[in-house]
Amino acid sequence: MKTDFNINRPRGFDYREEKFLVPLINEMEKLIKKTQTQYLYNTIKLNNKQRRELASLIIELAEDLHNNIGLWDSMEYYNKQLFNTPLPLFVKAKMR
Protein backbone atom coordinates (compact mmCIF):
# COMPACT_ATOMS: atom_id res chain seq x y z
CA MET A 1 0.00 0.00 0.00
CA LYS A 2 1.35 3.42 -0.95
CA THR A 3 1.29 6.13 1.67
CA ASP A 4 -0.18 9.39 0.39
CA PHE A 5 1.75 12.17 2.08
CA ASN A 6 -0.26 14.83 0.22
CA ILE A 7 -3.19 14.40 2.62
CA ASN A 8 -1.46 15.49 5.82
CA ARG A 9 1.53 17.51 4.69
CA PRO A 10 1.81 21.28 4.92
CA ARG A 11 2.65 23.41 1.93
CA GLY A 12 6.35 23.28 1.19
CA PHE A 13 6.78 19.59 2.10
CA ASP A 14 9.90 18.20 0.48
CA TYR A 15 8.81 14.99 -1.24
CA ARG A 16 12.40 13.76 -1.35
CA GLU A 17 11.90 12.79 2.32
CA GLU A 18 9.28 10.27 1.26
CA LYS A 19 11.97 7.82 0.14
CA PHE A 20 13.20 7.66 3.75
CA LEU A 21 9.82 7.52 5.47
CA VAL A 22 8.13 4.80 3.43
CA PRO A 23 10.69 2.06 4.28
CA LEU A 24 10.43 3.00 7.98
CA ILE A 25 6.63 2.82 7.81
CA ASN A 26 6.85 -0.58 6.10
CA GLU A 27 9.16 -1.91 8.82
CA MET A 28 6.94 -0.53 11.59
CA GLU A 29 3.92 -2.16 9.97
CA LYS A 30 5.74 -5.52 9.89
CA LEU A 31 6.70 -5.11 13.56
CA ILE A 32 3.09 -4.37 14.55
CA LYS A 33 1.88 -7.42 12.58
CA LYS A 34 4.52 -9.65 14.18
CA THR A 35 3.69 -8.34 17.65
CA GLN A 36 0.00 -9.08 17.13
CA THR A 37 0.75 -12.77 16.70
CA GLN A 38 1.51 -12.86 20.43
CA TYR A 39 -1.92 -11.54 21.44
CA LEU A 40 -4.16 -14.11 23.12
CA TYR A 41 -7.37 -12.54 21.83
CA ASN A 42 -8.36 -11.05 18.50
CA THR A 43 -10.20 -8.10 20.04
CA ILE A 44 -7.26 -5.72 19.72
CA LYS A 45 -5.70 -7.08 16.54
CA LEU A 46 -5.63 -4.55 13.74
CA ASN A 47 -6.50 -5.22 10.13
CA ASN A 48 -4.12 -4.29 7.29
CA LYS A 49 -5.48 -0.77 6.86
CA GLN A 50 -5.39 -0.07 10.60
CA ARG A 51 -1.83 -1.39 10.89
CA ARG A 52 -0.72 0.82 8.01
CA GLU A 53 -2.34 3.88 9.55
CA LEU A 54 -0.82 3.24 12.99
CA ALA A 55 2.62 2.63 11.48
CA SER A 56 2.36 5.90 9.52
CA LEU A 57 1.32 7.83 12.62
CA ILE A 58 4.20 6.43 14.68
CA ILE A 59 6.82 7.21 12.03
CA GLU A 60 5.41 10.66 11.34
CA LEU A 61 5.45 11.45 15.06
CA ALA A 62 9.08 10.33 15.19
CA GLU A 63 9.79 12.55 12.17
CA ASP A 64 8.16 15.49 13.95
CA LEU A 65 10.21 14.94 17.11
CA HIS A 66 13.44 14.34 15.19
CA ASN A 67 13.07 17.39 12.94
CA ASN A 68 11.52 19.59 15.61
CA ILE A 69 8.61 20.42 13.28
CA GLY A 70 6.48 21.53 16.20
CA LEU A 71 3.33 19.41 16.04
CA TRP A 72 4.08 17.62 19.32
CA ASP A 73 5.20 20.87 20.92
CA SER A 74 1.92 22.54 20.02
CA MET A 75 -0.10 19.61 21.40
CA GLU A 76 1.90 19.80 24.63
CA TYR A 77 1.45 23.56 24.84
CA TYR A 78 -2.33 23.43 24.40
CA ASN A 79 -2.69 20.52 26.79
CA LYS A 80 -0.88 22.56 29.47
CA GLN A 81 -3.04 25.60 28.70
CA LEU A 82 -6.34 23.68 28.75
CA PHE A 83 -5.72 21.16 31.51
CA ASN A 84 -2.81 22.66 33.43
CA THR A 85 -0.81 19.46 33.11
CA PRO A 86 1.76 18.04 30.69
CA LEU A 87 0.77 15.21 28.38
CA PRO A 88 0.76 11.81 30.11
CA LEU A 89 3.81 10.61 28.18
CA PHE A 90 5.99 12.93 30.24
CA VAL A 91 4.26 13.05 33.61
CA LYS A 92 6.74 12.32 36.38
CA ALA A 93 5.62 9.98 39.13
CA LYS A 94 5.36 11.56 42.54
CA MET A 95 7.55 9.95 45.17
CA ARG A 96 5.94 9.26 48.53
C-alpha atoms as a PDB file:
ATOM      1  CA  MET A   1       0.000   0.000   0.000  1.00  0.00           C
ATOM      2  CA  LYS A   2       1.347   3.415  -0.949  1.00  0.00           C
ATOM      3  CA  THR A   3       1.293   6.128   1.670  1.00  0.00           C
ATOM      4  CA  ASP A   4      -0.183   9.388   0.391  1.00  0.00           C
ATOM      5  CA  PHE A   5       1.755  12.170   2.082  1.00  0.00           C
ATOM      6  CA  ASN A   6      -0.259  14.834   0.220  1.00  0.00           C
ATOM      7  CA  ILE A   7      -3.188  14.404   2.618  1.00  0.00           C
ATOM      8  CA  ASN A   8      -1.459  15.485   5.825  1.00  0.00           C
ATOM      9  CA  ARG A   9       1.533  17.507   4.692  1.00  0.00           C
ATOM     10  CA  PRO A  10       1.814  21.278   4.921  1.00  0.00           C
ATOM     11  CA  ARG A  11       2.651  23.409   1.926  1.00  0.00           C
ATOM     12  CA  GLY A  12       6.350  23.278   1.191  1.00  0.00           C
ATOM     13  CA  PHE A  13       6.780  19.591   2.104  1.00  0.00           C
ATOM     14  CA  ASP A  14       9.903  18.201   0.481  1.00  0.00           C
ATOM     15  CA  TYR A  15       8.809  14.992  -1.239  1.00  0.00           C
ATOM     16  CA  ARG A  16      12.403  13.759  -1.347  1.00  0.00           C
ATOM     17  CA  GLU A  17      11.905  12.791   2.320  1.00  0.00           C
ATOM     18  CA  GLU A  18       9.277  10.266   1.262  1.00  0.00           C
ATOM     19  CA  LYS A  19      11.975   7.816   0.139  1.00  0.00           C
ATOM     20  CA  PHE A  20      13.201   7.657   3.751  1.00  0.00           C
ATOM     21  CA  LEU A  21       9.817   7.523   5.467  1.00  0.00           C
ATOM     22  CA  VAL A  22       8.126   4.797   3.432  1.00  0.00           C
ATOM     23  CA  PRO A  23      10.686   2.059   4.281  1.00  0.00           C
ATOM     24  CA  LEU A  24      10.426   2.997   7.978  1.00  0.00           C
ATOM     25  CA  ILE A  25       6.633   2.817   7.812  1.00  0.00           C
ATOM     26  CA  ASN A  26       6.850  -0.578   6.100  1.00  0.00           C
ATOM     27  CA  GLU A  27       9.164  -1.908   8.818  1.00  0.00           C
ATOM     28  CA  MET A  28       6.942  -0.530  11.586  1.00  0.00           C
ATOM     29  CA  GLU A  29       3.921  -2.159   9.972  1.00  0.00           C
ATOM     30  CA  LYS A  30       5.739  -5.518   9.895  1.00  0.00           C
ATOM     31  CA  LEU A  31       6.700  -5.110  13.558  1.00  0.00           C
ATOM     32  CA  ILE A  32       3.095  -4.373  14.545  1.00  0.00           C
ATOM     33  CA  LYS A  33       1.877  -7.416  12.576  1.00  0.00           C
ATOM     34  CA  LYS A  34       4.521  -9.653  14.176  1.00  0.00           C
ATOM     35  CA  THR A  35       3.695  -8.341  17.655  1.00  0.00           C
ATOM     36  CA  GLN A  36       0.001  -9.078  17.134  1.00  0.00           C
ATOM     37  CA  THR A  37       0.746 -12.774  16.701  1.00  0.00           C
ATOM     38  CA  GLN A  38       1.506 -12.864  20.429  1.00  0.00           C
ATOM     39  CA  TYR A  39      -1.923 -11.540  21.437  1.00  0.00           C
ATOM     40  CA  LEU A  40      -4.161 -14.110  23.117  1.00  0.00           C
ATOM     41  CA  TYR A  41      -7.374 -12.536  21.831  1.00  0.00           C
ATOM     42  CA  ASN A  42      -8.358 -11.048  18.503  1.00  0.00           C
ATOM     43  CA  THR A  43     -10.197  -8.104  20.043  1.00  0.00           C
ATOM     44  CA  ILE A  44      -7.263  -5.718  19.722  1.00  0.00           C
ATOM     45  CA  LYS A  45      -5.705  -7.082  16.544  1.00  0.00           C
ATOM     46  CA  LEU A  46      -5.627  -4.545  13.744  1.00  0.00           C
ATOM     47  CA  ASN A  47      -6.497  -5.221  10.126  1.00  0.00           C
ATOM     48  CA  ASN A  48      -4.123  -4.287   7.288  1.00  0.00           C
ATOM     49  CA  LYS A  49      -5.481  -0.769   6.855  1.00  0.00           C
ATOM     50  CA  GLN A  50      -5.386  -0.065  10.602  1.00  0.00           C
ATOM     51  CA  ARG A  51      -1.826  -1.390  10.894  1.00  0.00           C
ATOM     52  CA  ARG A  52      -0.718   0.819   8.009  1.00  0.00           C
ATOM     53  CA  GLU A  53      -2.338   3.878   9.546  1.00  0.00           C
ATOM     54  CA  LEU A  54      -0.824   3.241  12.993  1.00  0.00           C
ATOM     55  CA  ALA A  55       2.623   2.634  11.484  1.00  0.00           C
ATOM     56  CA  SER A  56       2.363   5.895   9.521  1.00  0.00           C
ATOM     57  CA  LEU A  57       1.323   7.832  12.616  1.00  0.00           C
ATOM     58  CA  ILE A  58       4.200   6.432  14.684  1.00  0.00           C
ATOM     59  CA  ILE A  59       6.820   7.210  12.028  1.00  0.00           C
ATOM     60  CA  GLU A  60       5.412  10.660  11.341  1.00  0.00           C
ATOM     61  CA  LEU A  61       5.445  11.453  15.062  1.00  0.00           C
ATOM     62  CA  ALA A  62       9.075  10.334  15.191  1.00  0.00           C
ATOM     63  CA  GLU A  63       9.789  12.548  12.171  1.00  0.00           C
ATOM     64  CA  ASP A  64       8.158  15.492  13.947  1.00  0.00           C
ATOM     65  CA  LEU A  65      10.207  14.938  17.107  1.00  0.00           C
ATOM     66  CA  HIS A  66      13.438  14.337  15.186  1.00  0.00           C
ATOM     67  CA  ASN A  67      13.072  17.387  12.937  1.00  0.00           C
ATOM     68  CA  ASN A  68      11.522  19.588  15.613  1.00  0.00           C
ATOM     69  CA  ILE A  69       8.614  20.423  13.278  1.00  0.00           C
ATOM     70  CA  GLY A  70       6.485  21.533  16.200  1.00  0.00           C
ATOM     71  CA  LEU A  71       3.332  19.405  16.043  1.00  0.00           C
ATOM     72  CA  TRP A  72       4.084  17.618  19.319  1.00  0.00           C
ATOM     73  CA  ASP A  73       5.203  20.865  20.918  1.00  0.00           C
ATOM     74  CA  SER A  74       1.919  22.543  20.015  1.00  0.00           C
ATOM     75  CA  MET A  75      -0.102  19.610  21.403  1.00  0.00           C
ATOM     76  CA  GLU A  76       1.902  19.804  24.632  1.00  0.00           C
ATOM     77  CA  TYR A  77       1.451  23.559  24.845  1.00  0.00           C
ATOM     78  CA  TYR A  78      -2.327  23.431  24.396  1.00  0.00           C
ATOM     79  CA  ASN A  79      -2.690  20.516  26.790  1.00  0.00           C
ATOM     80  CA  LYS A  80      -0.879  22.558  29.473  1.00  0.00           C
ATOM     81  CA  GLN A  81      -3.042  25.603  28.698  1.00  0.00           C
ATOM     82  CA  LEU A  82      -6.340  23.680  28.753  1.00  0.00           C
ATOM     83  CA  PHE A  83      -5.723  21.160  31.509  1.00  0.00           C
ATOM     84  CA  ASN A  84      -2.809  22.660  33.435  1.00  0.00           C
ATOM     85  CA  THR A  85      -0.806  19.461  33.106  1.00  0.00           C
ATOM     86  CA  PRO A  86       1.760  18.038  30.691  1.00  0.00           C
ATOM     87  CA  LEU A  87       0.767  15.212  28.385  1.00  0.00           C
ATOM     88  CA  PRO A  88       0.762  11.806  30.106  1.00  0.00           C
ATOM     89  CA  LEU A  89       3.807  10.614  28.181  1.00  0.00           C
ATOM     90  CA  PHE A  90       5.991  12.933  30.241  1.00  0.00           C
ATOM     91  CA  VAL A  91       4.258  13.052  33.607  1.00  0.00           C
ATOM     92  CA  LYS A  92       6.744  12.318  36.378  1.00  0.00           C
ATOM     93  CA  ALA A  93       5.619   9.982  39.129  1.00  0.00           C
ATOM     94  CA  LYS A  94       5.359  11.559  42.544  1.00  0.00           C
ATOM     95  CA  MET A  95       7.549   9.953  45.171  1.00  0.00           C
ATOM     96  CA  ARG A  96       5.942   9.262  48.533  1.00  0.00           C
END
